[in-house]
Each structure stands twice: as C-alpha cells, then as structure tokens.
Amino acid sequence: MWLGIDLGTQSVRAVVASDDGAVLGSGTAPLTGRRDGVRHEQSPDDWWSAVCTAAREALRDGHRPRALAVCSTSGTVLLADRNGRPLTPALMYDDGRAAGRGPGRALWLVHEYGAGREAHVLHQADLIVARLAGRLLPTDSSHALKTGYDAERGVFAEPGLPEGVLPDVVRPGTRLGEVCREAAEETGIPAGTTVVAGMTDGCAAQIASGSLTVGSWNSVLGTTLVLKGVTAEPLRDPAGVVYSHLSADGTWLPGGASGVGGGALHAAFPDADPAALDARAEDFEPAGAVAYPLGSPGERFPFTAPEATAFLLGRPVSDADHWAALLQGVALTERLCLDYLDLLGAPIDGPLTFTGGAVRSDYWTRLRAEVLQRPVRVPQYCEPALGMAVLAAYGAGSADTVADAAERMVRLRHVVRPRGGERFTEPYLTMVGELERRGWLPGPLAAHARARTENPTGAGSTGSTADTAREDSTASTERPT
C-alpha cells in the first residue's frame, strides 16, 4: 500500500491506497492563512500540524505503507535554515508582493528576510519532506518550475539569488530518503517508510485521473477550466499560453488554465439549484444565446487577453435557457482549447478524462462530450492525494512507468459517449468569430478552429475522434470498488 499527502490552500489530505487502487484510509485537516490586500501567507508550522493530523487519521487502522509522496500548491515558498526549520512565513502562490521581481517570491523573501543569515528556499512540499526525513532533501523539478527551474536544461534559469539558496533538484518519483523516528512518532507513519519526490497539486490530479500516456488529456472543470496532457517532447508555445512539467518517467505534461468555468454560473445564479436548472437546460440544445462565461476579467488559455470579459450574444428566453448557454459556453471554450493544442502540434487523439467538481453533474458531463464529439472517461476517485500514492508506488519500484502504476490503481466510474450530431457547430463558430472580432483570439487559431470544424481529422490534426472511440471502447464502463 502507498500513502499520498496533498497540501492544499484550505486543507491537508492524506490517502492510503492499495496496490490495485482501493482507498483504504483517508484523513483531512483544515488550514487557515492570512490575507491582507495582496498579501497571502500561511504558517509552515500549521502545515506540519495538519499533516500529522491527516496522516494519523488515514493510518488509524494500522496500515503500513511502503512509500509516500507529497504534492502542494505551485509557487508557494518560504525560507528555512539548514535543518529545515522555517525562518519566515510562507508566501502563498497568489501572494502579490513579488510582482515583476526575478524568480518572484523566492527573490522577494531573500531580499526581505534573508540578509545576514544562512537561508534556503523551500517549496511547500519541501518543508514537509524535510520534517518527515529529519533533514533537508532535494526538491522536485515540478515544484521548482515556478521558482525559475528549466527542466530541459536542468538548471535554475533566473539570476538574482545568492549561491546555495536554491535547493538541489531531482526528477519527480526519485527516492529521497526515509521517514525518521521522530517524524514517525508525530505522524504515525512508520519509521523507514520511503519518501519519494512528488509534484505540484495540478500534476498530482492529472496522475490521479490516469491520463498519462502520450496523447491523453485530463480536463479539470471546477471554478475554472484546466487542461493537462502528455507529450513525448516539451510543447513549444510561442505565446507562452501552455507550459510543460517534466514527468517522472521522462514524458512531458503540458497544460493551460482558462478563466471560464463554474465560477461564472455561480456569479449569474448565486442562489440556484444546479440540478433543477440542469434538468430544464436539456430543452435548450443549443441555447438561444452564445456565452463566453469568464468568471472574472482576463483570459490566459487558449489565448492571452488581459482585457477579455464575459459576454452573452443574444437574449435567453428564460433562466433555463441562460443556464444552458453558460454550460454550453464552457464546453465550447473547452473545444477551442483542444483546437489550440492541436494547432501547436500536440497529440490529442488519446483518451480524454473529465475530473473536477463539474463531474458531479451528469448532464454537464454528457453535454461536454456532445460538444467535443468524443467519448470521455470519468474516474471513481481523482484526488491529488491519490495521484501521490500512485507516484509513490512508481518511485518505490512497483511499476516500470507512472502510467503503468496508474493503469493498476486508477479506477473508472464510467465512460460517456456522445450521441452524434453537429447541433453545436453553429454556436461554436459564432463564439470563435466574436472572440476574433473583439481582437482577443489570434487569426491563425480562429482559422484553425474553423478548419477543424469542417474536417475534424484534418487541418493539422494529430488524431481523430474515431481513434479515441476505438481506444476507449476497450475500457470497462465500470469497475468494482
């Protein structure tokens, strides 16, 4: 069995999973922080207390995992001494005080707190790993990415930090050390448990989705929309919209995050009953209006437009029609994201997985499959902590690749297949045209989206819906718990 620990913004979660993916134990503990204007800090000591609580709860039945891995929020950093004791509060990933300064928060911390003392930059997961092992250990290239680490060259690319401040870096999945006796007494994790280098929470969620073979993609829909996939080589994006993490087994995990999502639904209908509106929205396919449902101003994927705002073309005839337009608008944007990835040359012909809070809506899940015109997989359990349990299994040598470990440990709830038809083609082309008219969507992407609408398997496409259907048709629609 394997242990995964996820350090989030609001809580810590620990999961013990068996070698076939059964969740044997889980635990959670809340976290709080300090927000004041652009400031967002948390106490590293609170992280450790929460890890101790969550781990003890997950292991309360006496489970003894062979290995563990830790994920955390991307871009959260602090300074610590040579023994891993915190010297500063932690600057969270969205702390705005370091805007425009080199490798961002790390440089700001050194300038503000590090003068005259020996200080080491740690990422959120690094602090927990150090406490577990009783000593400082290398960080992983995934957490180091936003501190200026160039995974292709194997160096920190950004200047400005004193020598020795930044940590050594290893590939995710590398064995780092073992849980020490003192940490075992505090956490309940057996002394000697192997500690494996982890990844950021977004990558951990991708591992938990099982989307780890080249050409496969995971679409995470909650407040916003995030797509993460797998390529054999780093995906080059001149616009900088998509960036890639290095996976544990040498593949690359490109991804991008859009501002559309469930946040726009809540803003438009703050007191709504989503299930009731879903049932009524089914009568409006397509809706009487076309929406681009940004939750807040500014867009970053599939195009960069700080000035972009939400819009609604047409006048819905009812709340249900308006709700349908928002649901469909998110799905249409998801389709545009995949068209952009295809334009960049990314393989998109592998399995597509849906995760995130939106999969609780069976209607929205089916609608998205209809708009994309491809089958989608929905896992039973896709928490980042499970992804770290999978990575721990790989790092401990139980599988040749992370994909092999995930194949064994990630269970599908079902596969959703589209019914066919092109009733969403006109709304899609309308949205694309309006985005281009407003000057947000680049012309080449607009042209590529139109070409793929006319010929989904051509226009530079690297795969086809039929290929995906054949691959997914071999998957079980349900696996026993």
Protein backbone atom coordinates (compact mmCIF):
# COMPACT_ATOMS: atom_id res chain seq x y z
CA MET A 1 0.00 0.00 0.00
CA TRP A 2 1.01 3.58 -0.66
CA LEU A 3 0.50 6.95 1.04
CA GLY A 4 -0.21 10.23 -0.74
CA ILE A 5 -0.26 13.63 1.00
CA ASP A 6 -1.81 16.72 -0.60
CA LEU A 7 -1.09 20.17 0.83
CA GLY A 8 -3.84 22.45 -0.40
CA THR A 9 -4.78 26.03 0.35
CA GLN A 10 -7.60 25.21 2.75
CA SER A 11 -6.70 21.73 3.97
CA VAL A 12 -4.24 18.85 4.03
CA ARG A 13 -5.45 15.47 2.80
CA ALA A 14 -3.79 12.07 3.23
CA VAL A 15 -4.83 8.89 1.41
CA VAL A 16 -3.68 5.30 1.80
CA ALA A 17 -4.28 3.26 -1.35
CA SER A 18 -3.75 -0.41 -2.03
CA ASP A 19 -1.75 -1.63 -4.99
CA ASP A 20 -4.97 -2.07 -7.00
CA GLY A 21 -6.27 1.41 -6.19
CA ALA A 22 -8.67 0.73 -3.32
CA VAL A 23 -8.72 3.65 -0.87
CA LEU A 24 -8.04 2.01 2.48
CA GLY A 25 -7.88 5.10 4.62
CA SER A 26 -8.07 8.87 4.37
CA GLY A 27 -7.72 11.88 6.62
CA THR A 28 -8.08 15.65 6.40
CA ALA A 29 -7.13 18.65 8.50
CA PRO A 30 -8.03 22.30 7.86
CA LEU A 31 -5.61 25.13 7.10
CA THR A 32 -6.05 28.85 7.51
CA GLY A 33 -3.98 31.75 6.25
CA ARG A 34 -3.56 35.49 6.49
CA ARG A 35 -4.86 37.70 3.69
CA ASP A 36 -4.31 41.44 3.68
CA GLY A 37 -4.53 43.19 0.32
CA VAL A 38 -2.03 41.46 -1.98
CA ARG A 39 -0.51 39.60 0.98
CA HIS A 40 -1.35 35.91 1.39
CA GLU A 41 0.66 33.95 3.96
CA GLN A 42 0.38 30.70 5.87
CA SER A 43 2.31 29.30 8.80
CA PRO A 44 4.62 26.37 7.88
CA ASP A 45 4.16 25.04 11.42
CA ASP A 46 0.43 24.80 10.72
CA TRP A 47 1.19 22.68 7.65
CA TRP A 48 3.11 20.20 9.75
CA SER A 49 0.42 20.01 12.42
CA ALA A 50 -2.19 19.39 9.73
CA VAL A 51 -0.05 16.68 8.10
CA CYS A 52 0.30 14.94 11.47
CA THR A 53 -3.48 15.03 11.99
CA ALA A 54 -4.39 13.89 8.47
CA ALA A 55 -1.77 11.12 8.37
CA ARG A 56 -2.81 9.70 11.76
CA GLU A 57 -6.44 9.65 10.63
CA ALA A 58 -5.56 7.90 7.35
CA LEU A 59 -3.45 5.30 9.20
CA ARG A 60 -5.80 4.76 12.14
CA ASP A 61 -6.48 1.13 11.14
CA GLY A 62 -2.81 0.23 11.37
CA HIS A 63 -1.94 0.45 7.66
CA ARG A 64 1.80 0.39 6.93
CA PRO A 65 2.55 2.00 3.53
CA ARG A 66 5.78 1.13 1.79
CA ALA A 67 6.34 4.61 0.37
CA LEU A 68 4.83 8.10 0.26
CA ALA A 69 4.93 11.24 -1.88
CA VAL A 70 3.80 14.81 -1.22
CA CYS A 71 2.20 17.40 -3.52
CA SER A 72 1.47 21.03 -2.79
CA THR A 73 0.32 24.29 -4.34
CA SER A 74 2.52 25.52 -7.18
CA GLY A 75 4.57 28.61 -6.40
CA THR A 76 4.27 28.62 -2.59
CA VAL A 77 7.69 29.22 -0.95
CA LEU A 78 9.41 30.05 2.34
CA LEU A 79 12.92 30.36 3.79
CA ALA A 80 14.32 27.75 6.18
CA ASP A 81 17.61 27.09 7.94
CA ARG A 82 19.99 24.22 7.19
CA ASN A 83 17.93 21.91 9.41
CA GLY A 84 14.66 22.70 7.65
CA ARG A 85 13.27 24.93 10.39
CA PRO A 86 11.16 27.81 8.97
CA LEU A 87 12.70 31.27 9.13
CA THR A 88 9.76 33.07 7.51
CA PRO A 89 6.05 32.75 6.94
CA ALA A 90 5.17 31.03 3.68
CA LEU A 91 4.29 33.22 0.70
CA MET A 92 1.36 31.53 -0.98
CA TYR A 93 1.13 31.04 -4.74
CA ASP A 94 -1.13 34.10 -5.16
CA ASP A 95 0.77 36.50 -2.89
CA GLY A 96 1.21 39.64 -5.00
CA ARG A 97 4.08 41.42 -3.23
CA ALA A 98 6.75 39.95 -5.52
CA ALA A 99 5.24 41.04 -8.84
CA GLY A 100 7.90 41.58 -11.50
CA ARG A 101 10.90 40.56 -9.39
CA GLY A 102 13.06 37.80 -10.89
CA PRO A 103 12.04 34.34 -9.74
CA GLY A 104 9.28 36.09 -7.91
CA ARG A 105 8.52 35.15 -4.34
CA ALA A 106 11.84 33.44 -3.63
CA LEU A 107 13.81 36.55 -4.53
CA TRP A 108 11.44 38.76 -2.55
CA LEU A 109 11.83 36.55 0.53
CA VAL A 110 15.63 36.62 0.35
CA HIS A 111 15.66 40.40 -0.02
CA GLU A 112 13.17 40.92 2.80
CA TYR A 113 14.22 38.27 5.31
CA GLY A 114 17.40 36.53 4.22
CA ALA A 115 20.08 39.20 4.69
CA GLY A 116 22.73 38.28 7.22
CA ARG A 117 21.64 34.70 7.80
CA GLU A 118 22.01 31.34 6.11
CA ALA A 119 18.70 30.71 4.39
CA HIS A 120 17.40 28.10 1.98
CA VAL A 121 14.41 28.45 -0.34
CA LEU A 122 11.89 25.67 0.19
CA HIS A 123 8.65 24.95 -1.60
CA GLN A 124 5.61 23.95 0.39
CA ALA A 125 6.15 20.21 -0.12
CA ASP A 126 9.88 20.53 0.61
CA LEU A 127 9.21 21.66 4.17
CA ILE A 128 7.05 18.60 4.88
CA VAL A 129 9.52 16.23 3.23
CA ALA A 130 12.33 17.75 5.35
CA ARG A 131 10.31 17.25 8.53
CA LEU A 132 9.49 13.66 7.57
CA ALA A 133 13.12 12.78 6.86
CA GLY A 134 14.65 14.91 9.60
CA ARG A 135 16.91 16.76 7.18
CA LEU A 136 16.84 18.91 4.05
CA LEU A 137 16.34 16.91 0.86
CA PRO A 138 16.30 17.93 -2.84
CA THR A 139 13.15 19.38 -4.32
CA ASP A 140 11.48 18.03 -7.46
CA SER A 141 11.54 19.74 -10.85
CA SER A 142 7.75 20.17 -10.81
CA HIS A 143 7.60 22.31 -7.67
CA ALA A 144 10.77 24.14 -8.78
CA LEU A 145 9.26 25.19 -12.13
CA LYS A 146 7.79 28.47 -10.85
CA THR A 147 10.99 29.27 -8.98
CA GLY A 148 12.73 29.57 -12.33
CA TYR A 149 13.87 25.97 -12.88
CA ASP A 150 14.44 24.98 -16.52
CA ALA A 151 13.66 21.26 -16.63
CA GLU A 152 15.10 20.85 -20.15
CA ARG A 153 18.50 22.31 -19.22
CA GLY A 154 18.48 21.07 -15.64
CA VAL A 155 19.31 24.48 -14.11
CA PHE A 156 17.64 27.42 -12.42
CA ALA A 157 17.42 29.89 -15.27
CA GLU A 158 16.67 33.08 -13.33
CA PRO A 159 19.57 35.11 -11.82
CA GLY A 160 19.46 37.22 -8.67
CA LEU A 161 19.63 34.73 -5.81
CA PRO A 162 22.78 34.08 -3.73
CA GLU A 163 24.66 30.85 -4.32
CA GLY A 164 23.43 27.97 -2.21
CA VAL A 165 20.00 29.46 -1.52
CA LEU A 166 18.12 27.37 -4.07
CA PRO A 167 17.72 23.62 -3.48
CA ASP A 168 19.14 20.73 -5.44
CA VAL A 169 16.58 19.38 -7.92
CA VAL A 170 15.69 15.81 -8.88
CA ARG A 171 13.07 14.30 -11.16
CA PRO A 172 9.67 13.51 -9.62
CA GLY A 173 9.46 9.90 -8.47
CA THR A 174 13.06 9.85 -7.23
CA ARG A 175 13.70 8.16 -3.87
CA LEU A 176 14.75 10.89 -1.46
CA GLY A 177 15.09 9.21 1.92
CA GLU A 178 13.09 7.62 4.72
CA VAL A 179 10.74 8.76 7.46
CA CYS A 180 12.79 9.34 10.61
CA ARG A 181 11.85 8.06 14.06
CA GLU A 182 10.87 11.49 15.42
CA ALA A 183 8.53 12.16 12.49
CA ALA A 184 7.06 8.66 12.83
CA GLU A 185 6.11 9.39 16.43
CA GLU A 186 4.34 12.61 15.42
CA THR A 187 2.59 11.42 12.25
CA GLY A 188 2.01 7.71 12.80
CA ILE A 189 3.79 6.98 9.51
CA PRO A 190 6.13 4.04 10.20
CA ALA A 191 9.80 4.90 10.52
CA GLY A 192 11.72 3.77 7.45
CA THR A 193 8.86 4.45 5.01
CA THR A 194 10.40 5.51 1.69
CA VAL A 195 9.94 9.19 0.80
CA VAL A 196 9.56 9.79 -2.96
CA ALA A 197 9.89 13.17 -4.70
CA GLY A 198 6.42 14.49 -5.55
CA MET A 199 4.88 17.01 -7.95
CA THR A 200 2.58 20.04 -7.80
CA ASP A 201 -1.08 19.54 -6.97
CA GLY A 202 -2.15 20.05 -10.58
CA CYS A 203 0.18 17.32 -11.80
CA ALA A 204 -0.91 15.10 -8.91
CA ALA A 205 -4.52 15.48 -10.02
CA GLN A 206 -3.51 14.52 -13.55
CA ILE A 207 -1.82 11.35 -12.27
CA ALA A 208 -4.98 10.52 -10.30
CA SER A 209 -7.03 10.88 -13.50
CA GLY A 210 -4.96 8.18 -15.20
CA SER A 211 -4.20 10.47 -18.18
CA LEU A 212 -0.54 9.56 -18.53
CA THR A 213 0.00 8.09 -21.99
CA VAL A 214 1.14 10.30 -24.87
CA GLY A 215 -1.88 11.93 -26.47
CA SER A 216 -4.17 11.60 -23.47
CA TRP A 217 -5.67 14.66 -21.73
CA ASN A 218 -7.35 15.46 -18.46
CA SER A 219 -9.88 18.29 -18.38
CA VAL A 220 -10.43 19.59 -14.85
CA LEU A 221 -13.56 21.71 -14.54
CA GLY A 222 -14.42 23.48 -11.33
CA THR A 223 -14.47 27.22 -10.71
CA THR A 224 -12.21 27.45 -13.77
CA LEU A 225 -11.13 25.09 -16.57
CA VAL A 226 -7.69 23.42 -16.72
CA LEU A 227 -6.43 21.05 -19.42
CA LYS A 228 -3.32 18.93 -18.86
CA GLY A 229 -1.97 16.27 -21.23
CA VAL A 230 1.04 14.18 -22.15
CA THR A 231 3.58 14.67 -24.94
CA ALA A 232 6.82 12.90 -25.75
CA GLU A 233 8.68 16.23 -26.02
CA PRO A 234 8.11 19.68 -24.50
CA LEU A 235 5.30 21.50 -26.28
CA ARG A 236 6.55 24.75 -27.82
CA ASP A 237 4.13 27.63 -27.47
CA PRO A 238 5.42 30.99 -28.78
CA ALA A 239 2.58 32.77 -26.97
CA GLY A 240 3.53 31.23 -23.63
CA VAL A 241 -0.06 30.14 -23.03
CA VAL A 242 0.91 26.50 -22.46
CA TYR A 243 3.86 25.34 -20.35
CA SER A 244 5.16 21.85 -19.55
CA HIS A 245 6.17 19.94 -16.44
CA LEU A 246 8.64 17.05 -16.71
CA SER A 247 7.02 13.79 -15.64
CA ALA A 248 8.67 11.14 -13.52
CA ASP A 249 9.23 8.81 -16.48
CA GLY A 250 10.61 11.38 -18.93
CA THR A 251 7.46 12.39 -20.76
CA TRP A 252 6.16 15.97 -20.58
CA LEU A 253 2.93 17.28 -19.10
CA PRO A 254 1.79 20.44 -20.94
CA GLY A 255 -1.19 22.36 -19.70
CA GLY A 256 -3.12 25.59 -19.62
CA ALA A 257 -5.76 27.22 -17.43
CA SER A 258 -8.77 29.19 -18.67
CA GLY A 259 -10.90 31.62 -16.68
CA VAL A 260 -14.19 30.08 -17.81
CA GLY A 261 -15.95 27.61 -15.57
CA GLY A 262 -18.38 27.11 -12.75
CA GLY A 263 -17.48 30.47 -11.24
CA ALA A 264 -19.46 32.19 -13.98
CA LEU A 265 -22.52 30.06 -13.22
CA HIS A 266 -22.40 30.99 -9.55
CA ALA A 267 -21.98 34.66 -10.42
CA ALA A 268 -25.04 34.63 -12.69
CA PHE A 269 -27.18 32.41 -10.44
CA PRO A 270 -25.85 32.73 -6.86
CA ASP A 271 -28.88 31.06 -5.25
CA ALA A 272 -29.64 28.49 -7.95
CA ASP A 273 -30.33 24.79 -7.57
CA PRO A 274 -27.90 23.45 -10.22
CA ALA A 275 -29.63 20.07 -10.52
CA ALA A 276 -33.00 21.69 -11.15
CA LEU A 277 -31.59 24.05 -13.78
CA ASP A 278 -29.67 21.17 -15.41
CA ALA A 279 -32.94 19.28 -15.86
CA ARG A 280 -34.56 22.28 -17.56
CA ALA A 281 -31.48 23.20 -19.63
CA GLU A 282 -31.75 19.96 -21.59
CA ASP A 283 -34.61 21.55 -23.54
CA PHE A 284 -32.25 24.21 -24.93
CA GLU A 285 -29.69 22.43 -27.13
CA PRO A 286 -28.42 24.68 -28.50
CA ALA A 287 -29.29 27.60 -26.25
CA GLY A 288 -30.88 30.77 -27.58
CA ALA A 289 -27.70 32.74 -26.75
CA VAL A 290 -23.96 32.13 -27.10
CA ALA A 291 -21.90 32.77 -23.97
CA TYR A 292 -18.24 33.23 -23.20
CA PRO A 293 -18.54 32.61 -19.43
CA LEU A 294 -15.44 34.13 -17.83
CA GLY A 295 -15.63 34.17 -14.06
CA SER A 296 -13.58 37.39 -13.86
CA PRO A 297 -11.91 39.75 -16.37
CA GLY A 298 -8.87 38.47 -18.26
CA GLU A 299 -8.17 35.26 -20.17
CA ARG A 300 -4.98 33.17 -20.33
CA PHE A 301 -5.92 29.99 -22.24
CA PRO A 302 -6.50 29.23 -25.12
CA PHE A 303 -5.36 32.81 -25.76
CA THR A 304 -3.92 35.64 -23.67
CA ALA A 305 -6.14 38.71 -23.33
CA PRO A 306 -5.98 40.64 -20.04
CA GLU A 307 -8.80 42.85 -21.29
CA ALA A 308 -11.18 39.96 -22.08
CA THR A 309 -14.57 39.96 -20.35
CA ALA A 310 -17.54 37.63 -20.29
CA PHE A 311 -20.19 38.15 -22.95
CA LEU A 312 -23.60 36.85 -23.95
CA LEU A 313 -24.71 37.09 -27.58
CA GLY A 314 -28.47 37.02 -27.85
CA ARG A 315 -31.21 37.20 -25.24
CA PRO A 316 -32.16 33.99 -23.37
CA VAL A 317 -35.89 33.36 -23.14
CA SER A 318 -35.68 32.02 -19.57
CA ASP A 319 -33.33 31.25 -16.70
CA ALA A 320 -33.07 27.69 -18.01
CA ASP A 321 -32.04 28.99 -21.45
CA HIS A 322 -29.46 31.30 -19.82
CA TRP A 323 -28.13 28.43 -17.70
CA ALA A 324 -27.87 26.26 -20.81
CA ALA A 325 -25.92 28.99 -22.62
CA LEU A 326 -23.39 29.15 -19.76
CA LEU A 327 -22.97 25.36 -19.61
CA GLN A 328 -22.54 25.22 -23.37
CA GLY A 329 -20.18 28.21 -23.37
CA VAL A 330 -17.75 26.42 -21.08
CA ALA A 331 -17.89 23.33 -23.29
CA LEU A 332 -17.35 25.43 -26.44
CA THR A 333 -14.28 27.02 -24.83
CA GLU A 334 -13.04 23.54 -23.93
CA ARG A 335 -13.36 22.65 -27.62
CA LEU A 336 -11.37 25.76 -28.56
CA CYS A 337 -8.64 24.78 -26.07
CA LEU A 338 -8.27 21.41 -27.76
CA ASP A 339 -8.16 23.10 -31.16
CA TYR A 340 -5.34 25.32 -29.88
CA LEU A 341 -3.40 22.33 -28.59
CA ASP A 342 -3.84 20.69 -31.99
CA LEU A 343 -2.56 23.87 -33.67
CA LEU A 344 0.58 23.68 -31.52
CA GLY A 345 1.18 20.13 -32.72
CA ALA A 346 0.19 18.33 -29.53
CA PRO A 347 -1.20 14.82 -29.95
CA ILE A 348 -4.83 14.93 -28.76
CA ASP A 349 -6.04 11.59 -30.09
CA GLY A 350 -5.67 9.64 -26.83
CA PRO A 351 -8.25 9.14 -24.10
CA LEU A 352 -9.90 12.24 -22.62
CA THR A 353 -10.73 12.25 -18.91
CA PHE A 354 -13.03 14.61 -17.02
CA THR A 355 -12.37 15.46 -13.38
CA GLY A 356 -13.19 18.34 -11.05
CA GLY A 357 -16.37 19.39 -9.31
CA ALA A 358 -18.33 19.63 -12.56
CA VAL A 359 -18.41 15.84 -12.99
CA ARG A 360 -20.99 15.77 -10.18
CA SER A 361 -23.40 16.97 -12.87
CA ASP A 362 -24.16 14.02 -15.13
CA TYR A 363 -25.93 16.36 -17.55
CA TRP A 364 -22.99 18.76 -17.91
CA THR A 365 -20.61 15.84 -18.37
CA ARG A 366 -22.75 14.42 -21.18
CA LEU A 367 -23.18 17.88 -22.73
CA ARG A 368 -19.41 18.44 -22.83
CA ALA A 369 -18.94 15.07 -24.54
CA GLU A 370 -21.58 16.09 -27.10
CA VAL A 371 -19.90 19.45 -27.80
CA LEU A 372 -16.46 17.82 -28.12
CA GLN A 373 -17.88 14.87 -30.08
CA ARG A 374 -15.65 12.33 -28.38
CA PRO A 375 -16.00 9.80 -25.56
CA VAL A 376 -14.79 10.83 -22.13
CA ARG A 377 -13.73 8.85 -19.08
CA VAL A 378 -14.75 9.74 -15.52
CA PRO A 379 -12.66 8.18 -12.72
CA GLN A 380 -14.14 6.99 -9.44
CA TYR A 381 -11.63 8.87 -7.29
CA CYS A 382 -9.34 11.57 -8.61
CA GLU A 383 -7.97 13.49 -5.63
CA PRO A 384 -4.36 14.77 -5.85
CA ALA A 385 -3.50 12.69 -2.76
CA LEU A 386 -4.30 9.53 -4.74
CA GLY A 387 -2.01 10.79 -7.50
CA MET A 388 0.80 10.98 -4.96
CA ALA A 389 0.05 7.44 -3.81
CA VAL A 390 0.41 6.34 -7.45
CA LEU A 391 3.69 8.24 -7.78
CA ALA A 392 4.95 6.68 -4.54
CA ALA A 393 4.22 3.24 -5.97
CA TYR A 394 6.22 4.07 -9.08
CA GLY A 395 9.08 5.60 -7.10
CA ALA A 396 9.32 2.53 -4.90
CA GLY A 397 9.79 0.34 -7.98
CA SER A 398 6.39 -1.34 -8.20
CA ALA A 399 5.87 -0.27 -11.84
CA ASP A 400 8.09 0.49 -14.82
CA THR A 401 6.31 3.78 -15.58
CA VAL A 402 3.91 6.10 -13.79
CA ALA A 403 1.37 5.21 -16.48
CA ASP A 404 1.70 1.53 -15.55
CA ALA A 405 1.13 2.32 -11.87
CA ALA A 406 -1.89 4.46 -12.74
CA GLU A 407 -3.32 1.75 -15.01
CA ARG A 408 -3.38 -0.53 -11.99
CA MET A 409 -4.53 1.98 -9.38
CA VAL A 410 -6.90 4.45 -11.10
CA ARG A 411 -10.45 3.10 -11.38
CA LEU A 412 -13.03 4.31 -13.89
CA ARG A 413 -16.55 5.18 -12.82
CA HIS A 414 -17.87 5.18 -16.37
CA VAL A 415 -17.25 6.24 -19.98
CA VAL A 416 -19.62 8.78 -21.53
CA ARG A 417 -20.13 8.54 -25.28
CA PRO A 418 -21.64 11.28 -27.48
CA ARG A 419 -24.83 10.52 -29.36
CA GLY A 420 -23.60 12.21 -32.52
CA GLY A 421 -24.82 15.22 -34.45
CA GLU A 422 -23.48 18.69 -35.06
CA ARG A 423 -26.05 20.90 -33.35
CA PHE A 424 -23.30 22.81 -31.51
CA THR A 425 -21.28 23.65 -34.63
CA GLU A 426 -23.05 26.94 -35.32
CA PRO A 427 -22.74 28.22 -31.72
CA TYR A 428 -19.06 27.25 -31.75
CA LEU A 429 -18.34 29.18 -34.93
CA THR A 430 -20.31 32.14 -33.59
CA MET A 431 -18.21 32.21 -30.41
CA VAL A 432 -14.96 31.89 -32.37
CA GLY A 433 -15.99 34.72 -34.69
CA GLU A 434 -16.92 37.02 -31.82
CA LEU A 435 -13.66 36.35 -29.97
CA GLU A 436 -11.74 37.15 -33.14
CA ARG A 437 -13.82 40.27 -33.84
CA ARG A 438 -13.05 41.63 -30.39
CA GLY A 439 -9.33 41.21 -31.06
CA TRP A 440 -8.73 38.62 -28.35
CA LEU A 441 -8.46 35.46 -30.43
CA PRO A 442 -5.50 35.37 -32.87
CA GLY A 443 -6.44 34.90 -36.51
CA PRO A 444 -4.43 31.67 -37.04
CA LEU A 445 -6.23 29.97 -34.15
CA ALA A 446 -9.63 31.17 -35.38
CA ALA A 447 -8.84 29.81 -38.86
CA HIS A 448 -7.64 26.50 -37.42
CA ALA A 449 -10.78 26.15 -35.32
CA ARG A 450 -12.95 26.70 -38.39
CA ALA A 451 -10.90 24.23 -40.44
CA ARG A 452 -11.18 21.53 -37.78
CA THR A 453 -14.92 22.10 -37.59
CA GLU A 454 -15.16 21.34 -41.30
CA ASN A 455 -12.68 18.46 -41.13
CA PRO A 456 -12.00 17.25 -37.56
CA THR A 457 -9.43 14.68 -38.70
CA GLY A 458 -7.54 17.11 -40.91
CA ALA A 459 -6.33 20.70 -40.65
CA GLY A 460 -3.17 19.64 -38.93
CA SER A 461 -5.00 17.36 -36.52
CA THR A 462 -2.84 14.68 -34.95
CA GLY A 463 -5.67 12.25 -34.38
CA SER A 464 -9.34 11.57 -34.81
CA THR A 465 -12.44 11.09 -32.78
CA ALA A 466 -12.73 7.63 -34.26
CA ASP A 467 -9.29 6.72 -32.94
CA THR A 468 -10.32 7.84 -29.47
CA ALA A 469 -13.57 5.93 -29.68
CA ARG A 470 -11.76 2.73 -30.66
CA GLU A 471 -9.30 3.12 -27.79
CA ASP A 472 -11.99 3.90 -25.22
CA SER A 473 -14.30 1.16 -26.49
CA THR A 474 -11.94 -1.36 -24.93
CA ALA A 475 -12.27 0.23 -21.50
CA SER A 476 -14.72 -1.07 -18.94
CA THR A 477 -17.52 1.39 -18.25
CA GLU A 478 -17.48 0.39 -14.60
CA ARG A 479 -15.02 -1.31 -12.30
CA PRO A 480 -15.88 -2.76 -8.89
CA THR A 481 -14.89 -0.90 -5.76
